[in-house]
Amino acid sequence: MAKIALVNGSLRSPQVGSSVTSWVHDVLKSKTPSGVEIEAIAIKDFNLPVFDEAVMPASVSATTPFEHEHSKKWSAAIASYQGYIFVVPEYNGSLAGGTKNAIDYLYTEWPGKPIAVISYGVQGGARANEHFSWLLEFIMKLKVVETKVKLPFAPAEIGHSVSGTLGEQTQKDWAESGKKEEVLKALEEIAAILSVTEK
């Protein structure tokens, strides 16, 4: 069984990220390959401060481990999965600072593993998606799948998202524009890399 983490990358409070991640999770559960298990986690639950370790993430090993418990727990959690789907917001034209900080804690946990990037925002989080995908592929050495899902908010509901509400029109737009199919295609691409056969 291949374990894939569905990661909510938002740290804001209130946040719409949890609702977006739940929407993605419901889509994934509708057609999950038999050899795959999806587990939802949230960066926010790990309470990570701005990186505060003496050892560089690329140098972490049994002889030079992390010092702090928050680092150890985050590292162990990420290392336990064979693949990832990150759901990330776009803030001010790029990846959110808290999300980037969480990624900066890691390195040895995931080279070579497949990952899908799902972004959301006023224009679907296109720039955050692009920046994050580049970071994951060229710096963290993950295998970023081809399908990069971008989820735009309905114009009339952008204000709702700031208060943590995922609007009905936005969800309708996503369904009618094929976003569910894109999410499932990204999962299929992860499964293919892991050589998992669909039902």
N, C-alpha and C. Protein backbone atom coordinates (compact mmCIF):
# COMPACT_ATOMS: atom_id res chain seq x y z
N MET A 1 0.84 -1.20 0.00
CA MET A 1 0.00 0.00 0.00
C MET A 1 0.87 1.25 0.00
N ALA A 2 0.64 2.13 -0.96
CA ALA A 2 1.38 3.38 -1.05
C ALA A 2 0.63 4.46 -0.28
N LYS A 3 1.28 5.06 0.69
CA LYS A 3 0.68 6.14 1.48
C LYS A 3 1.02 7.49 0.86
N ILE A 4 -0.02 8.26 0.57
CA ILE A 4 0.16 9.58 -0.01
C ILE A 4 -0.40 10.63 0.95
N ALA A 5 0.41 11.63 1.27
CA ALA A 5 -0.04 12.70 2.15
C ALA A 5 -0.74 13.79 1.35
N LEU A 6 -1.93 14.15 1.79
CA LEU A 6 -2.63 15.31 1.26
C LEU A 6 -2.39 16.43 2.25
N VAL A 7 -1.55 17.40 1.87
CA VAL A 7 -1.05 18.39 2.82
C VAL A 7 -1.72 19.74 2.62
N ASN A 8 -2.38 20.22 3.67
CA ASN A 8 -2.91 21.58 3.68
C ASN A 8 -1.75 22.52 4.00
N GLY A 9 -1.37 23.36 3.03
CA GLY A 9 -0.21 24.22 3.19
C GLY A 9 -0.48 25.57 3.80
N SER A 10 -1.73 25.86 4.17
CA SER A 10 -2.05 27.17 4.74
C SER A 10 -1.86 27.18 6.25
N LEU A 11 -1.33 28.30 6.76
CA LEU A 11 -1.16 28.45 8.21
C LEU A 11 -2.00 29.58 8.78
N ARG A 12 -2.80 30.22 7.96
CA ARG A 12 -3.58 31.36 8.43
C ARG A 12 -4.74 30.94 9.33
N SER A 13 -5.21 31.90 10.11
CA SER A 13 -6.39 31.69 10.94
C SER A 13 -7.16 33.01 10.99
N PRO A 14 -8.40 33.04 10.44
CA PRO A 14 -9.09 31.93 9.76
C PRO A 14 -8.45 31.63 8.41
N GLN A 15 -8.78 30.47 7.87
CA GLN A 15 -8.22 30.09 6.58
C GLN A 15 -9.24 29.32 5.77
N VAL A 16 -9.18 29.50 4.46
CA VAL A 16 -10.02 28.73 3.55
C VAL A 16 -9.30 27.46 3.11
N GLY A 17 -8.00 27.37 3.43
CA GLY A 17 -7.21 26.22 3.01
C GLY A 17 -7.75 24.89 3.48
N SER A 18 -8.28 24.84 4.70
CA SER A 18 -8.82 23.58 5.22
C SER A 18 -10.03 23.13 4.40
N SER A 19 -10.87 24.10 3.97
CA SER A 19 -12.04 23.77 3.16
C SER A 19 -11.64 23.35 1.75
N VAL A 20 -10.64 24.02 1.19
CA VAL A 20 -10.14 23.63 -0.14
C VAL A 20 -9.55 22.23 -0.07
N THR A 21 -8.78 21.96 0.95
CA THR A 21 -8.17 20.63 1.11
C THR A 21 -9.24 19.56 1.28
N SER A 22 -10.29 19.87 2.02
CA SER A 22 -11.40 18.92 2.20
C SER A 22 -12.09 18.65 0.86
N TRP A 23 -12.26 19.71 0.06
CA TRP A 23 -12.86 19.54 -1.27
C TRP A 23 -12.00 18.61 -2.12
N VAL A 24 -10.70 18.84 -2.11
CA VAL A 24 -9.77 17.98 -2.85
C VAL A 24 -9.84 16.55 -2.34
N HIS A 25 -9.90 16.39 -1.02
CA HIS A 25 -9.95 15.05 -0.42
C HIS A 25 -11.19 14.30 -0.87
N ASP A 26 -12.33 14.98 -0.90
CA ASP A 26 -13.57 14.34 -1.35
C ASP A 26 -13.44 13.87 -2.80
N VAL A 27 -12.81 14.69 -3.63
CA VAL A 27 -12.59 14.30 -5.02
C VAL A 27 -11.71 13.07 -5.10
N LEU A 28 -10.63 13.06 -4.35
CA LEU A 28 -9.69 11.94 -4.37
C LEU A 28 -10.35 10.65 -3.90
N LYS A 29 -11.20 10.75 -2.88
CA LYS A 29 -11.87 9.56 -2.34
C LYS A 29 -12.85 8.95 -3.33
N SER A 30 -13.30 9.75 -4.30
CA SER A 30 -14.26 9.25 -5.27
C SER A 30 -13.64 8.25 -6.26
N LYS A 31 -12.32 8.29 -6.38
CA LYS A 31 -11.67 7.38 -7.34
C LYS A 31 -10.20 7.17 -6.96
N THR A 32 -9.97 6.63 -5.78
CA THR A 32 -8.62 6.35 -5.32
C THR A 32 -8.19 4.97 -5.79
N PRO A 33 -7.03 4.84 -6.42
CA PRO A 33 -6.56 3.52 -6.85
C PRO A 33 -6.49 2.56 -5.66
N SER A 34 -6.71 1.28 -5.92
CA SER A 34 -6.77 0.29 -4.84
C SER A 34 -5.47 0.17 -4.06
N GLY A 35 -4.35 0.51 -4.67
CA GLY A 35 -3.08 0.38 -3.98
C GLY A 35 -2.62 1.65 -3.30
N VAL A 36 -3.54 2.62 -3.15
CA VAL A 36 -3.18 3.92 -2.59
C VAL A 36 -4.02 4.25 -1.36
N GLU A 37 -3.38 4.82 -0.36
CA GLU A 37 -4.07 5.32 0.82
C GLU A 37 -3.77 6.81 0.95
N ILE A 38 -4.81 7.64 0.99
CA ILE A 38 -4.66 9.09 1.13
C ILE A 38 -4.85 9.49 2.59
N GLU A 39 -3.91 10.24 3.13
CA GLU A 39 -4.02 10.71 4.51
C GLU A 39 -3.85 12.22 4.54
N ALA A 40 -4.83 12.92 5.09
CA ALA A 40 -4.79 14.39 5.15
C ALA A 40 -4.03 14.85 6.39
N ILE A 41 -3.09 15.78 6.18
CA ILE A 41 -2.36 16.39 7.28
C ILE A 41 -2.27 17.90 7.02
N ALA A 42 -1.93 18.66 8.03
CA ALA A 42 -1.84 20.12 7.89
C ALA A 42 -0.54 20.62 8.49
N ILE A 43 0.16 21.45 7.75
CA ILE A 43 1.41 22.03 8.25
C ILE A 43 1.17 22.76 9.57
N LYS A 44 0.04 23.43 9.67
CA LYS A 44 -0.28 24.23 10.85
C LYS A 44 -0.22 23.41 12.14
N ASP A 45 -0.56 22.13 12.06
CA ASP A 45 -0.60 21.28 13.26
C ASP A 45 0.77 20.98 13.84
N PHE A 46 1.83 21.26 13.08
CA PHE A 46 3.18 20.96 13.56
C PHE A 46 3.82 22.13 14.30
N ASN A 47 3.17 23.29 14.28
CA ASN A 47 3.64 24.45 15.06
C ASN A 47 5.12 24.76 14.81
N LEU A 48 5.48 24.88 13.55
CA LEU A 48 6.88 25.13 13.19
C LEU A 48 7.22 26.61 13.30
N PRO A 49 8.23 26.96 14.09
CA PRO A 49 8.71 28.35 14.08
C PRO A 49 9.56 28.58 12.84
N VAL A 50 10.00 29.81 12.63
CA VAL A 50 11.00 30.06 11.58
C VAL A 50 12.18 29.15 11.87
N PHE A 51 12.71 28.53 10.82
CA PHE A 51 13.73 27.46 10.98
C PHE A 51 14.75 27.80 12.06
N ASP A 52 14.88 26.90 13.05
CA ASP A 52 15.70 27.19 14.22
C ASP A 52 16.65 26.06 14.59
N GLU A 53 17.09 25.29 13.60
CA GLU A 53 18.02 24.20 13.85
C GLU A 53 19.45 24.60 13.52
N ALA A 54 20.39 24.03 14.25
CA ALA A 54 21.80 24.30 14.00
C ALA A 54 22.32 23.53 12.79
N VAL A 55 21.73 22.35 12.52
CA VAL A 55 22.17 21.51 11.41
C VAL A 55 21.37 21.86 10.16
N MET A 56 22.04 21.87 9.02
CA MET A 56 21.35 22.10 7.75
C MET A 56 20.51 20.89 7.40
N PRO A 57 19.30 21.08 6.85
CA PRO A 57 18.44 19.94 6.52
C PRO A 57 19.11 18.89 5.65
N ALA A 58 19.94 19.31 4.70
CA ALA A 58 20.60 18.34 3.82
C ALA A 58 21.65 17.51 4.55
N SER A 59 22.03 17.95 5.76
CA SER A 59 23.06 17.24 6.53
C SER A 59 22.49 16.39 7.65
N VAL A 60 21.17 16.38 7.79
CA VAL A 60 20.56 15.60 8.87
C VAL A 60 20.79 14.11 8.65
N SER A 61 21.20 13.43 9.70
CA SER A 61 21.45 11.99 9.65
C SER A 61 21.35 11.42 11.06
N ALA A 62 21.60 10.13 11.19
CA ALA A 62 21.56 9.50 12.51
C ALA A 62 22.61 10.09 13.44
N THR A 63 23.73 10.52 12.87
CA THR A 63 24.80 11.08 13.70
C THR A 63 24.67 12.58 13.90
N THR A 64 23.93 13.24 13.01
CA THR A 64 23.68 14.70 13.16
C THR A 64 22.18 14.96 13.03
N PRO A 65 21.42 14.59 14.05
CA PRO A 65 19.96 14.73 13.98
C PRO A 65 19.48 16.14 14.30
N PHE A 66 18.19 16.37 14.04
CA PHE A 66 17.56 17.60 14.49
C PHE A 66 17.57 17.64 16.02
N GLU A 67 17.58 18.84 16.56
CA GLU A 67 17.57 19.03 18.02
C GLU A 67 16.16 19.16 18.58
N HIS A 68 15.28 19.85 17.86
CA HIS A 68 13.97 20.20 18.40
C HIS A 68 12.89 19.19 18.03
N GLU A 69 11.94 19.00 18.94
CA GLU A 69 10.88 18.03 18.73
C GLU A 69 9.99 18.40 17.55
N HIS A 70 9.71 19.70 17.35
CA HIS A 70 8.85 20.07 16.23
C HIS A 70 9.49 19.68 14.90
N SER A 71 10.81 19.83 14.81
CA SER A 71 11.52 19.45 13.59
C SER A 71 11.48 17.94 13.38
N LYS A 72 11.72 17.20 14.46
CA LYS A 72 11.72 15.74 14.38
C LYS A 72 10.36 15.20 13.95
N LYS A 73 9.29 15.76 14.51
CA LYS A 73 7.95 15.28 14.20
C LYS A 73 7.57 15.59 12.75
N TRP A 74 7.88 16.79 12.28
CA TRP A 74 7.59 17.17 10.90
C TRP A 74 8.40 16.32 9.93
N SER A 75 9.67 16.14 10.21
CA SER A 75 10.54 15.33 9.36
C SER A 75 10.05 13.88 9.29
N ALA A 76 9.72 13.31 10.45
CA ALA A 76 9.28 11.91 10.50
C ALA A 76 7.96 11.73 9.77
N ALA A 77 7.06 12.71 9.91
CA ALA A 77 5.77 12.61 9.24
C ALA A 77 5.95 12.60 7.72
N ILE A 78 6.72 13.55 7.20
CA ILE A 78 6.93 13.62 5.76
C ILE A 78 7.67 12.40 5.24
N ALA A 79 8.64 11.92 5.97
CA ALA A 79 9.43 10.76 5.54
C ALA A 79 8.60 9.48 5.46
N SER A 80 7.48 9.43 6.18
CA SER A 80 6.69 8.20 6.25
C SER A 80 5.81 7.98 5.02
N TYR A 81 5.74 8.96 4.12
CA TYR A 81 4.89 8.83 2.93
C TYR A 81 5.70 8.54 1.68
N GLN A 82 5.04 7.87 0.73
CA GLN A 82 5.68 7.55 -0.55
C GLN A 82 5.39 8.60 -1.62
N GLY A 83 4.41 9.46 -1.38
CA GLY A 83 4.07 10.50 -2.33
C GLY A 83 3.27 11.59 -1.64
N TYR A 84 3.06 12.71 -2.35
CA TYR A 84 2.45 13.88 -1.71
C TYR A 84 1.55 14.63 -2.69
N ILE A 85 0.51 15.23 -2.13
CA ILE A 85 -0.32 16.20 -2.84
C ILE A 85 -0.40 17.42 -1.93
N PHE A 86 0.21 18.52 -2.35
CA PHE A 86 0.20 19.75 -1.55
C PHE A 86 -0.88 20.69 -2.08
N VAL A 87 -1.70 21.21 -1.17
CA VAL A 87 -2.72 22.20 -1.49
C VAL A 87 -2.24 23.52 -0.89
N VAL A 88 -1.88 24.47 -1.75
CA VAL A 88 -1.20 25.68 -1.27
C VAL A 88 -1.88 26.96 -1.76
N PRO A 89 -1.90 27.99 -0.91
CA PRO A 89 -2.43 29.29 -1.31
C PRO A 89 -1.35 30.13 -1.99
N GLU A 90 -1.83 31.16 -2.70
CA GLU A 90 -0.91 32.17 -3.22
C GLU A 90 -1.12 33.46 -2.43
N TYR A 91 -0.04 33.98 -1.85
CA TYR A 91 -0.09 35.26 -1.14
C TYR A 91 0.85 36.23 -1.84
N ASN A 92 0.32 37.38 -2.22
CA ASN A 92 1.15 38.44 -2.80
C ASN A 92 2.01 37.96 -3.97
N GLY A 93 1.42 37.15 -4.82
CA GLY A 93 2.09 36.73 -6.04
C GLY A 93 3.10 35.63 -5.90
N SER A 94 3.08 34.89 -4.78
CA SER A 94 4.04 33.80 -4.64
C SER A 94 3.56 32.81 -3.58
N LEU A 95 4.44 31.88 -3.24
CA LEU A 95 4.18 30.89 -2.22
C LEU A 95 4.11 31.55 -0.85
N ALA A 96 3.19 31.09 -0.01
CA ALA A 96 3.06 31.64 1.34
C ALA A 96 4.34 31.39 2.15
N GLY A 97 4.71 32.38 2.98
CA GLY A 97 5.94 32.28 3.76
C GLY A 97 5.96 31.08 4.70
N GLY A 98 4.83 30.80 5.34
CA GLY A 98 4.77 29.67 6.27
C GLY A 98 4.96 28.34 5.57
N THR A 99 4.42 28.24 4.36
CA THR A 99 4.60 27.01 3.57
C THR A 99 6.07 26.85 3.20
N LYS A 100 6.68 27.92 2.74
CA LYS A 100 8.09 27.87 2.36
C LYS A 100 8.96 27.52 3.56
N ASN A 101 8.65 28.07 4.73
CA ASN A 101 9.42 27.77 5.93
C ASN A 101 9.36 26.27 6.26
N ALA A 102 8.18 25.67 6.12
CA ALA A 102 8.03 24.25 6.41
C ALA A 102 8.86 23.40 5.45
N ILE A 103 8.88 23.79 4.18
CA ILE A 103 9.68 23.07 3.20
C ILE A 103 11.17 23.21 3.51
N ASP A 104 11.56 24.38 4.00
CA ASP A 104 12.98 24.63 4.29
C ASP A 104 13.51 23.77 5.44
N TYR A 105 12.63 23.13 6.20
CA TYR A 105 13.06 22.22 7.26
C TYR A 105 13.55 20.88 6.69
N LEU A 106 13.25 20.60 5.46
CA LEU A 106 13.41 19.24 4.93
C LEU A 106 14.40 19.16 3.78
N TYR A 107 14.88 17.97 3.54
CA TYR A 107 15.61 17.66 2.32
C TYR A 107 15.73 16.15 2.11
N THR A 108 16.33 15.47 3.10
CA THR A 108 16.61 14.04 2.93
C THR A 108 15.35 13.19 2.93
N GLU A 109 14.23 13.76 3.33
CA GLU A 109 13.00 12.98 3.48
C GLU A 109 12.34 12.60 2.15
N TRP A 110 12.66 13.36 1.05
CA TRP A 110 11.82 13.12 -0.12
C TRP A 110 12.42 13.15 -1.51
N PRO A 111 13.71 13.20 -1.73
CA PRO A 111 14.20 13.13 -3.12
C PRO A 111 13.69 11.87 -3.85
N GLY A 112 13.24 12.09 -5.08
CA GLY A 112 12.79 10.98 -5.91
C GLY A 112 11.33 10.61 -5.75
N LYS A 113 10.65 11.14 -4.75
CA LYS A 113 9.25 10.79 -4.54
C LYS A 113 8.35 11.68 -5.39
N PRO A 114 7.18 11.16 -5.80
CA PRO A 114 6.26 11.96 -6.63
C PRO A 114 5.44 12.94 -5.80
N ILE A 115 5.12 14.07 -6.40
CA ILE A 115 4.33 15.09 -5.72
C ILE A 115 3.47 15.84 -6.74
N ALA A 116 2.25 16.16 -6.32
CA ALA A 116 1.36 17.00 -7.13
C ALA A 116 1.14 18.31 -6.40
N VAL A 117 1.05 19.40 -7.16
CA VAL A 117 0.82 20.72 -6.59
C VAL A 117 -0.56 21.21 -7.01
N ILE A 118 -1.38 21.53 -6.02
CA ILE A 118 -2.70 22.11 -6.23
C ILE A 118 -2.70 23.47 -5.54
N SER A 119 -2.94 24.51 -6.31
CA SER A 119 -2.92 25.87 -5.74
C SER A 119 -4.29 26.51 -5.86
N TYR A 120 -4.51 27.53 -5.04
CA TYR A 120 -5.77 28.25 -5.11
C TYR A 120 -5.52 29.73 -4.85
N GLY A 121 -6.45 30.57 -5.35
CA GLY A 121 -6.31 32.00 -5.18
C GLY A 121 -7.14 32.75 -6.20
N VAL A 122 -6.91 34.05 -6.27
CA VAL A 122 -7.70 34.89 -7.17
C VAL A 122 -7.61 34.39 -8.61
N GLN A 123 -6.44 34.02 -9.06
CA GLN A 123 -6.23 33.47 -10.41
C GLN A 123 -5.78 32.01 -10.34
N GLY A 124 -6.28 31.33 -9.34
CA GLY A 124 -5.94 29.93 -9.18
C GLY A 124 -4.58 29.70 -8.53
N GLY A 125 -3.95 30.77 -8.07
CA GLY A 125 -2.63 30.62 -7.46
C GLY A 125 -1.57 30.21 -8.45
N ALA A 126 -1.69 30.68 -9.69
CA ALA A 126 -0.79 30.24 -10.77
C ALA A 126 0.67 30.49 -10.47
N ARG A 127 0.99 31.65 -9.90
CA ARG A 127 2.40 31.97 -9.64
C ARG A 127 2.94 31.14 -8.48
N ALA A 128 2.13 30.95 -7.45
CA ALA A 128 2.55 30.10 -6.34
C ALA A 128 2.79 28.67 -6.84
N ASN A 129 1.92 28.21 -7.72
CA ASN A 129 2.06 26.86 -8.28
C ASN A 129 3.37 26.73 -9.04
N GLU A 130 3.66 27.74 -9.85
CA GLU A 130 4.90 27.72 -10.63
C GLU A 130 6.14 27.77 -9.74
N HIS A 131 6.13 28.68 -8.77
CA HIS A 131 7.29 28.83 -7.88
C HIS A 131 7.50 27.58 -7.03
N PHE A 132 6.41 27.03 -6.50
CA PHE A 132 6.50 25.86 -5.64
C PHE A 132 6.97 24.63 -6.43
N SER A 133 6.42 24.47 -7.63
CA SER A 133 6.81 23.33 -8.46
C SER A 133 8.30 23.37 -8.78
N TRP A 134 8.81 24.56 -9.09
CA TRP A 134 10.24 24.70 -9.38
C TRP A 134 11.08 24.35 -8.16
N LEU A 135 10.69 24.86 -7.00
CA LEU A 135 11.41 24.58 -5.77
C LEU A 135 11.45 23.08 -5.47
N LEU A 136 10.31 22.43 -5.60
CA LEU A 136 10.22 21.00 -5.29
C LEU A 136 11.05 20.16 -6.25
N GLU A 137 10.99 20.51 -7.53
CA GLU A 137 11.68 19.70 -8.54
C GLU A 137 13.18 19.94 -8.58
N PHE A 138 13.60 21.18 -8.59
CA PHE A 138 15.01 21.47 -8.84
C PHE A 138 15.85 21.62 -7.57
N ILE A 139 15.22 21.93 -6.45
CA ILE A 139 15.96 22.06 -5.20
C ILE A 139 15.75 20.85 -4.30
N MET A 140 14.49 20.45 -4.11
CA MET A 140 14.19 19.33 -3.23
C MET A 140 14.24 17.97 -3.92
N LYS A 141 14.36 17.98 -5.26
CA LYS A 141 14.58 16.77 -6.04
C LYS A 141 13.42 15.79 -6.01
N LEU A 142 12.20 16.32 -5.89
CA LEU A 142 11.03 15.47 -6.02
C LEU A 142 10.64 15.34 -7.48
N LYS A 143 9.76 14.38 -7.78
CA LYS A 143 9.23 14.22 -9.13
C LYS A 143 7.86 14.91 -9.18
N VAL A 144 7.83 16.14 -9.68
CA VAL A 144 6.58 16.89 -9.76
C VAL A 144 5.79 16.40 -10.96
N VAL A 145 4.55 15.99 -10.75
CA VAL A 145 3.75 15.45 -11.85
C VAL A 145 3.37 16.56 -12.82
N GLU A 146 3.02 16.15 -14.02
CA GLU A 146 2.76 17.12 -15.10
C GLU A 146 1.52 17.96 -14.83
N THR A 147 0.48 17.35 -14.31
CA THR A 147 -0.77 18.07 -14.08
C THR A 147 -0.66 18.94 -12.83
N LYS A 148 -0.71 20.23 -13.02
CA LYS A 148 -0.62 21.20 -11.92
C LYS A 148 -1.97 21.92 -11.83
N VAL A 149 -2.73 21.59 -10.81
CA VAL A 149 -4.10 22.07 -10.69
C VAL A 149 -4.14 23.47 -10.09
N LYS A 150 -4.89 24.36 -10.74
CA LYS A 150 -5.04 25.74 -10.26
C LYS A 150 -6.52 26.02 -10.05
N LEU A 151 -6.89 26.36 -8.81
CA LEU A 151 -8.28 26.54 -8.42
C LEU A 151 -8.59 28.01 -8.16
N PRO A 152 -9.22 28.70 -9.13
CA PRO A 152 -9.54 30.13 -8.94
C PRO A 152 -10.86 30.31 -8.18
N PHE A 153 -10.92 31.33 -7.34
CA PHE A 153 -12.16 31.67 -6.66
C PHE A 153 -13.07 32.44 -7.61
N ALA A 154 -14.38 32.21 -7.49
CA ALA A 154 -15.35 33.01 -8.24
C ALA A 154 -15.17 34.47 -7.83
N PRO A 155 -15.15 35.40 -8.78
CA PRO A 155 -14.90 36.81 -8.45
C PRO A 155 -15.75 37.36 -7.32
N ALA A 156 -17.03 36.99 -7.28
CA ALA A 156 -17.93 37.53 -6.26
C ALA A 156 -17.67 36.94 -4.87
N GLU A 157 -16.85 35.87 -4.81
CA GLU A 157 -16.62 35.18 -3.54
C GLU A 157 -15.19 35.31 -3.03
N ILE A 158 -14.41 36.17 -3.66
CA ILE A 158 -13.02 36.35 -3.22
C ILE A 158 -12.98 36.83 -1.78
N GLY A 159 -13.85 37.74 -1.41
CA GLY A 159 -13.91 38.23 -0.04
C GLY A 159 -14.26 37.15 0.96
N HIS A 160 -15.11 36.20 0.54
CA HIS A 160 -15.48 35.09 1.42
C HIS A 160 -14.26 34.25 1.77
N SER A 161 -13.39 34.06 0.78
CA SER A 161 -12.22 33.20 1.01
C SER A 161 -11.30 33.77 2.08
N VAL A 162 -11.21 35.10 2.14
CA VAL A 162 -10.35 35.73 3.14
C VAL A 162 -10.86 35.43 4.55
N SER A 163 -12.17 35.31 4.70
CA SER A 163 -12.75 35.01 6.01
C SER A 163 -12.83 33.52 6.30
N GLY A 164 -12.34 32.70 5.36
CA GLY A 164 -12.28 31.27 5.59
C GLY A 164 -13.43 30.47 5.01
N THR A 165 -14.22 31.08 4.14
CA THR A 165 -15.38 30.41 3.58
C THR A 165 -15.16 30.06 2.11
N LEU A 166 -15.40 28.80 1.77
CA LEU A 166 -15.32 28.36 0.38
C LEU A 166 -16.71 28.44 -0.22
N GLY A 167 -16.92 29.40 -1.12
CA GLY A 167 -18.25 29.70 -1.64
C GLY A 167 -18.83 28.62 -2.54
N GLU A 168 -20.16 28.59 -2.62
CA GLU A 168 -20.87 27.61 -3.43
C GLU A 168 -20.62 27.83 -4.93
N GLN A 169 -20.58 29.09 -5.36
CA GLN A 169 -20.34 29.37 -6.77
C GLN A 169 -18.94 28.92 -7.18
N THR A 170 -17.96 29.12 -6.29
CA THR A 170 -16.60 28.67 -6.57
C THR A 170 -16.56 27.17 -6.76
N GLN A 171 -17.21 26.43 -5.87
CA GLN A 171 -17.23 24.97 -5.98
C GLN A 171 -17.95 24.52 -7.25
N LYS A 172 -19.02 25.23 -7.60
CA LYS A 172 -19.75 24.91 -8.84
C LYS A 172 -18.85 25.16 -10.05
N ASP A 173 -18.15 26.28 -10.04
CA ASP A 173 -17.24 26.61 -11.15
C ASP A 173 -16.16 25.55 -11.30
N TRP A 174 -15.61 25.10 -10.19
CA TRP A 174 -14.56 24.08 -10.25
C TRP A 174 -15.08 22.78 -10.86
N ALA A 175 -16.29 22.40 -10.45
CA ALA A 175 -16.88 21.17 -10.98
C ALA A 175 -17.16 21.29 -12.48
N GLU A 176 -17.69 22.44 -12.90
CA GLU A 176 -18.07 22.61 -14.30
C GLU A 176 -16.89 22.83 -15.23
N SER A 177 -15.76 23.27 -14.67
CA SER A 177 -14.58 23.54 -15.52
C SER A 177 -13.57 22.39 -15.52
N GLY A 178 -13.98 21.26 -14.97
CA GLY A 178 -13.12 20.07 -15.05
C GLY A 178 -12.03 19.98 -14.01
N LYS A 179 -12.14 20.75 -12.93
CA LYS A 179 -11.08 20.72 -11.91
C LYS A 179 -11.04 19.39 -11.16
N LYS A 180 -12.20 18.76 -10.98
CA LYS A 180 -12.21 17.45 -10.32
C LYS A 180 -11.41 16.44 -11.14
N GLU A 181 -11.62 16.49 -12.45
CA GLU A 181 -10.90 15.58 -13.34
C GLU A 181 -9.39 15.85 -13.31
N GLU A 182 -9.01 17.12 -13.17
CA GLU A 182 -7.59 17.45 -13.09
C GLU A 182 -6.97 16.90 -11.80
N VAL A 183 -7.70 17.01 -10.71
CA VAL A 183 -7.21 16.47 -9.43
C VAL A 183 -6.99 14.96 -9.55
N LEU A 184 -7.95 14.27 -10.13
CA LEU A 184 -7.83 12.82 -10.29
C LEU A 184 -6.71 12.44 -11.25
N LYS A 185 -6.50 13.26 -12.27
CA LYS A 185 -5.40 12.99 -13.20
C LYS A 185 -4.05 13.14 -12.50
N ALA A 186 -3.93 14.14 -11.63
CA ALA A 186 -2.69 14.31 -10.87
C ALA A 186 -2.44 13.10 -9.99
N LEU A 187 -3.50 12.58 -9.37
CA LEU A 187 -3.36 11.38 -8.54
C LEU A 187 -2.94 10.18 -9.39
N GLU A 188 -3.52 10.05 -10.57
CA GLU A 188 -3.14 8.96 -11.47
C GLU A 188 -1.66 9.04 -11.84
N GLU A 189 -1.16 10.25 -12.04
CA GLU A 189 0.25 10.42 -12.40
C GLU A 189 1.16 10.03 -11.24
N ILE A 190 0.74 10.34 -10.01
CA ILE A 190 1.51 9.89 -8.84
C ILE A 190 1.50 8.37 -8.78
N ALA A 191 0.31 7.78 -8.96
CA ALA A 191 0.18 6.32 -8.90
C ALA A 191 1.04 5.64 -9.97
N ALA A 192 1.10 6.25 -11.15
CA ALA A 192 1.90 5.67 -12.23
C ALA A 192 3.38 5.66 -11.86
N ILE A 193 3.85 6.74 -11.24
CA ILE A 193 5.25 6.79 -10.81
C ILE A 193 5.53 5.73 -9.76
N LEU A 194 4.54 5.51 -8.90
CA LEU A 194 4.68 4.50 -7.84
C LEU A 194 4.34 3.10 -8.33
N SER A 195 3.96 2.99 -9.62
CA SER A 195 3.57 1.71 -10.22
C SER A 195 2.39 1.07 -9.49
N VAL A 196 1.41 1.90 -9.14
CA VAL A 196 0.20 1.40 -8.50
C VAL A 196 -0.88 1.24 -9.55
N THR A 197 -1.52 0.08 -9.57
CA THR A 197 -2.55 -0.21 -10.55
C THR A 197 -3.90 0.27 -10.06
N GLU A 198 -4.65 0.91 -10.97
CA GLU A 198 -5.97 1.40 -10.60
C GLU A 198 -6.96 0.26 -10.46
N LYS A 199 -8.08 0.53 -9.75
CA LYS A 199 -9.14 -0.45 -9.60
C LYS A 199 -9.67 -0.87 -10.97
